[in-house]
Amino acid sequence: MFIYGHTDSKGDDAYNEKLSQLRAAAVKYYLINVFKVQPNRLQTKGFGKIKPIAPNNNPDGSDNPTGREKNRRVEVLIKT
């Protein structure tokens, strides 16, 4: 199982990279401690702000809070 953390575009690259890693790690911790998933079955990676799923800015360059909110996420990929 792969756990990928993401952020919006606010903040510098180093901050977003660390934050995305922490988001993924929090989900891993939860899966291990609540659902008793074996730790060796989980891999985490933080992508920072490099893989947005929505625009962080509107076409006119103004802030897009709704888009940024969608980019602050964790994705879980289960491979069978």
N, C-alpha and C. Protein backbone atom coordinates (compact mmCIF):
# COMPACT_ATOMS: atom_id res chain seq x y z
N MET A 1 0.85 -1.16 0.00
CA MET A 1 0.00 0.00 0.00
C MET A 1 0.91 1.23 0.00
N PHE A 2 0.56 2.17 -0.85
CA PHE A 2 1.33 3.40 -0.97
C PHE A 2 0.50 4.56 -0.43
N ILE A 3 1.13 5.41 0.36
CA ILE A 3 0.47 6.56 0.96
C ILE A 3 1.22 7.81 0.51
N TYR A 4 0.54 8.67 -0.24
CA TYR A 4 1.16 9.85 -0.82
C TYR A 4 0.58 11.13 -0.21
N GLY A 5 1.45 11.98 0.33
CA GLY A 5 1.03 13.25 0.89
C GLY A 5 1.24 14.38 -0.10
N HIS A 6 0.34 15.38 -0.04
CA HIS A 6 0.39 16.53 -0.95
C HIS A 6 0.06 17.81 -0.17
N THR A 7 0.46 18.94 -0.74
CA THR A 7 0.14 20.25 -0.15
C THR A 7 -0.34 21.20 -1.24
N ASP A 8 -0.81 22.37 -0.81
CA ASP A 8 -1.12 23.42 -1.78
C ASP A 8 0.16 24.20 -2.06
N SER A 9 0.06 25.30 -2.76
CA SER A 9 1.26 26.03 -3.18
C SER A 9 1.73 27.10 -2.19
N LYS A 10 1.02 27.27 -1.08
CA LYS A 10 1.46 28.25 -0.09
C LYS A 10 2.71 27.73 0.63
N GLY A 11 3.62 28.61 0.97
CA GLY A 11 4.83 28.21 1.67
C GLY A 11 5.95 27.85 0.71
N ASP A 12 7.15 27.75 1.27
CA ASP A 12 8.29 27.42 0.40
C ASP A 12 8.38 25.91 0.16
N ASP A 13 9.22 25.54 -0.78
CA ASP A 13 9.31 24.15 -1.21
C ASP A 13 9.70 23.21 -0.07
N ALA A 14 10.68 23.61 0.74
CA ALA A 14 11.15 22.74 1.83
C ALA A 14 10.04 22.51 2.84
N TYR A 15 9.31 23.56 3.18
CA TYR A 15 8.20 23.43 4.13
C TYR A 15 7.13 22.49 3.58
N ASN A 16 6.75 22.67 2.33
CA ASN A 16 5.71 21.83 1.73
C ASN A 16 6.16 20.39 1.60
N GLU A 17 7.41 20.17 1.29
CA GLU A 17 7.93 18.80 1.20
C GLU A 17 7.81 18.10 2.56
N LYS A 18 8.24 18.77 3.61
CA LYS A 18 8.17 18.19 4.95
C LYS A 18 6.72 17.96 5.38
N LEU A 19 5.86 18.95 5.13
CA LEU A 19 4.45 18.84 5.50
C LEU A 19 3.79 17.66 4.78
N SER A 20 4.07 17.48 3.51
CA SER A 20 3.47 16.37 2.77
C SER A 20 3.96 15.03 3.31
N GLN A 21 5.22 14.95 3.72
CA GLN A 21 5.74 13.72 4.32
C GLN A 21 5.06 13.44 5.65
N LEU A 22 4.85 14.50 6.44
CA LEU A 22 4.18 14.33 7.73
C LEU A 22 2.73 13.89 7.55
N ARG A 23 2.06 14.40 6.55
CA ARG A 23 0.67 13.99 6.27
C ARG A 23 0.62 12.50 5.95
N ALA A 24 1.50 12.04 5.10
CA ALA A 24 1.54 10.63 4.74
C ALA A 24 1.89 9.77 5.96
N ALA A 25 2.83 10.24 6.76
CA ALA A 25 3.24 9.49 7.96
C ALA A 25 2.10 9.39 8.97
N ALA A 26 1.27 10.44 9.08
CA ALA A 26 0.14 10.41 10.00
C ALA A 26 -0.88 9.35 9.59
N VAL A 27 -1.11 9.21 8.30
CA VAL A 27 -2.04 8.19 7.82
C VAL A 27 -1.45 6.80 8.06
N LYS A 28 -0.17 6.64 7.81
CA LYS A 28 0.50 5.36 8.07
C LYS A 28 0.37 4.99 9.55
N TYR A 29 0.64 5.94 10.42
CA TYR A 29 0.53 5.71 11.86
C TYR A 29 -0.88 5.25 12.22
N TYR A 30 -1.89 5.92 11.67
CA TYR A 30 -3.28 5.58 11.94
C TYR A 30 -3.61 4.16 11.47
N LEU A 31 -3.19 3.82 10.26
CA LEU A 31 -3.47 2.48 9.73
C LEU A 31 -2.81 1.40 10.57
N ILE A 32 -1.61 1.67 11.05
CA ILE A 32 -0.89 0.69 11.88
C ILE A 32 -1.55 0.55 13.25
N ASN A 33 -1.88 1.66 13.88
CA ASN A 33 -2.37 1.62 15.25
C ASN A 33 -3.86 1.37 15.40
N VAL A 34 -4.66 1.73 14.43
CA VAL A 34 -6.10 1.51 14.52
C VAL A 34 -6.52 0.24 13.80
N PHE A 35 -6.01 0.05 12.59
CA PHE A 35 -6.42 -1.10 11.80
C PHE A 35 -5.42 -2.26 11.83
N LYS A 36 -4.33 -2.08 12.57
CA LYS A 36 -3.31 -3.12 12.79
C LYS A 36 -2.69 -3.62 11.48
N VAL A 37 -2.54 -2.71 10.50
CA VAL A 37 -1.85 -3.05 9.25
C VAL A 37 -0.37 -3.22 9.57
N GLN A 38 0.24 -4.23 9.00
CA GLN A 38 1.67 -4.47 9.22
C GLN A 38 2.48 -3.32 8.60
N PRO A 39 3.40 -2.71 9.38
CA PRO A 39 4.18 -1.57 8.88
C PRO A 39 4.94 -1.84 7.60
N ASN A 40 5.41 -3.07 7.42
CA ASN A 40 6.19 -3.37 6.21
C ASN A 40 5.32 -3.42 4.95
N ARG A 41 4.01 -3.33 5.09
CA ARG A 41 3.10 -3.31 3.94
C ARG A 41 2.79 -1.89 3.49
N LEU A 42 3.32 -0.89 4.19
CA LEU A 42 3.01 0.51 3.92
C LEU A 42 4.25 1.28 3.50
N GLN A 43 4.13 2.04 2.43
CA GLN A 43 5.21 2.92 1.98
C GLN A 43 4.65 4.33 1.87
N THR A 44 5.42 5.30 2.36
CA THR A 44 4.97 6.69 2.30
C THR A 44 5.90 7.53 1.43
N LYS A 45 5.32 8.59 0.87
CA LYS A 45 6.09 9.55 0.08
C LYS A 45 5.37 10.88 0.12
N GLY A 46 6.13 11.94 0.29
CA GLY A 46 5.58 13.29 0.24
C GLY A 46 5.95 13.96 -1.07
N PHE A 47 4.98 14.53 -1.75
CA PHE A 47 5.21 15.19 -3.03
C PHE A 47 5.22 16.71 -2.92
N GLY A 48 4.92 17.24 -1.74
CA GLY A 48 4.86 18.70 -1.61
C GLY A 48 3.78 19.26 -2.51
N LYS A 49 4.12 20.32 -3.24
CA LYS A 49 3.13 21.00 -4.07
C LYS A 49 3.24 20.67 -5.56
N ILE A 50 4.02 19.64 -5.91
CA ILE A 50 4.31 19.40 -7.33
C ILE A 50 3.22 18.65 -8.10
N LYS A 51 2.22 18.08 -7.41
CA LYS A 51 1.18 17.33 -8.10
C LYS A 51 -0.22 17.81 -7.71
N PRO A 52 -0.55 19.05 -8.05
CA PRO A 52 -1.88 19.55 -7.69
C PRO A 52 -2.97 18.86 -8.52
N ILE A 53 -4.16 18.73 -7.92
CA ILE A 53 -5.31 18.19 -8.66
C ILE A 53 -6.30 19.30 -8.99
N ALA A 54 -6.05 20.49 -8.48
CA ALA A 54 -6.90 21.66 -8.74
C ALA A 54 -6.00 22.89 -8.81
N PRO A 55 -6.44 23.94 -9.48
CA PRO A 55 -5.61 25.15 -9.56
C PRO A 55 -5.51 25.86 -8.21
N ASN A 56 -4.30 26.24 -7.83
CA ASN A 56 -4.09 27.01 -6.61
C ASN A 56 -4.45 28.48 -6.80
N ASN A 57 -4.49 28.93 -8.05
CA ASN A 57 -4.84 30.31 -8.38
C ASN A 57 -5.94 30.33 -9.42
N ASN A 58 -6.72 31.39 -9.40
CA ASN A 58 -7.73 31.61 -10.42
C ASN A 58 -7.06 32.08 -11.71
N PRO A 59 -7.77 32.04 -12.84
CA PRO A 59 -7.18 32.48 -14.11
C PRO A 59 -6.63 33.92 -14.07
N ASP A 60 -7.22 34.78 -13.23
CA ASP A 60 -6.73 36.16 -13.13
C ASP A 60 -5.53 36.31 -12.19
N GLY A 61 -5.05 35.18 -11.64
CA GLY A 61 -3.89 35.21 -10.76
C GLY A 61 -4.22 35.34 -9.28
N SER A 62 -5.49 35.57 -8.96
CA SER A 62 -5.88 35.69 -7.56
C SER A 62 -5.91 34.31 -6.90
N ASP A 63 -5.91 34.32 -5.59
CA ASP A 63 -5.91 33.10 -4.80
C ASP A 63 -7.19 32.29 -5.04
N ASN A 64 -7.06 30.96 -5.05
CA ASN A 64 -8.19 30.06 -5.21
C ASN A 64 -8.26 29.15 -3.98
N PRO A 65 -8.93 29.59 -2.90
CA PRO A 65 -8.97 28.79 -1.68
C PRO A 65 -9.58 27.41 -1.87
N THR A 66 -10.57 27.30 -2.73
CA THR A 66 -11.21 26.00 -2.97
C THR A 66 -10.23 25.04 -3.65
N GLY A 67 -9.50 25.53 -4.62
CA GLY A 67 -8.49 24.70 -5.29
C GLY A 67 -7.37 24.29 -4.35
N ARG A 68 -6.91 25.26 -3.54
CA ARG A 68 -5.83 24.93 -2.59
C ARG A 68 -6.30 23.88 -1.59
N GLU A 69 -7.54 23.98 -1.16
CA GLU A 69 -8.08 23.00 -0.21
C GLU A 69 -8.04 21.59 -0.80
N LYS A 70 -8.40 21.46 -2.07
CA LYS A 70 -8.37 20.15 -2.73
C LYS A 70 -6.96 19.59 -2.85
N ASN A 71 -5.97 20.46 -2.92
CA ASN A 71 -4.59 20.02 -3.07
C ASN A 71 -3.96 19.57 -1.75
N ARG A 72 -4.55 19.97 -0.63
CA ARG A 72 -4.07 19.52 0.68
C ARG A 72 -4.72 18.17 0.98
N ARG A 73 -4.02 17.10 0.61
CA ARG A 73 -4.64 15.78 0.66
C ARG A 73 -3.62 14.68 0.88
N VAL A 74 -4.14 13.49 1.17
CA VAL A 74 -3.37 12.26 1.20
C VAL A 74 -4.09 11.27 0.31
N GLU A 75 -3.34 10.60 -0.53
CA GLU A 75 -3.90 9.57 -1.41
C GLU A 75 -3.34 8.21 -0.97
N VAL A 76 -4.20 7.21 -0.98
CA VAL A 76 -3.79 5.85 -0.64
C VAL A 76 -4.02 4.97 -1.86
N LEU A 77 -2.96 4.32 -2.30
CA LEU A 77 -3.01 3.43 -3.45
C LEU A 77 -2.81 2.01 -2.95
N ILE A 78 -3.79 1.18 -3.22
CA ILE A 78 -3.70 -0.23 -2.79
C ILE A 78 -3.46 -1.08 -4.03
N LYS A 79 -2.35 -1.79 -4.01
CA LYS A 79 -2.02 -2.68 -5.13
C LYS A 79 -2.27 -4.12 -4.67
N THR A 80 -2.94 -4.87 -5.52
CA THR A 80 -3.23 -6.27 -5.18
C THR A 80 -2.48 -7.21 -6.09
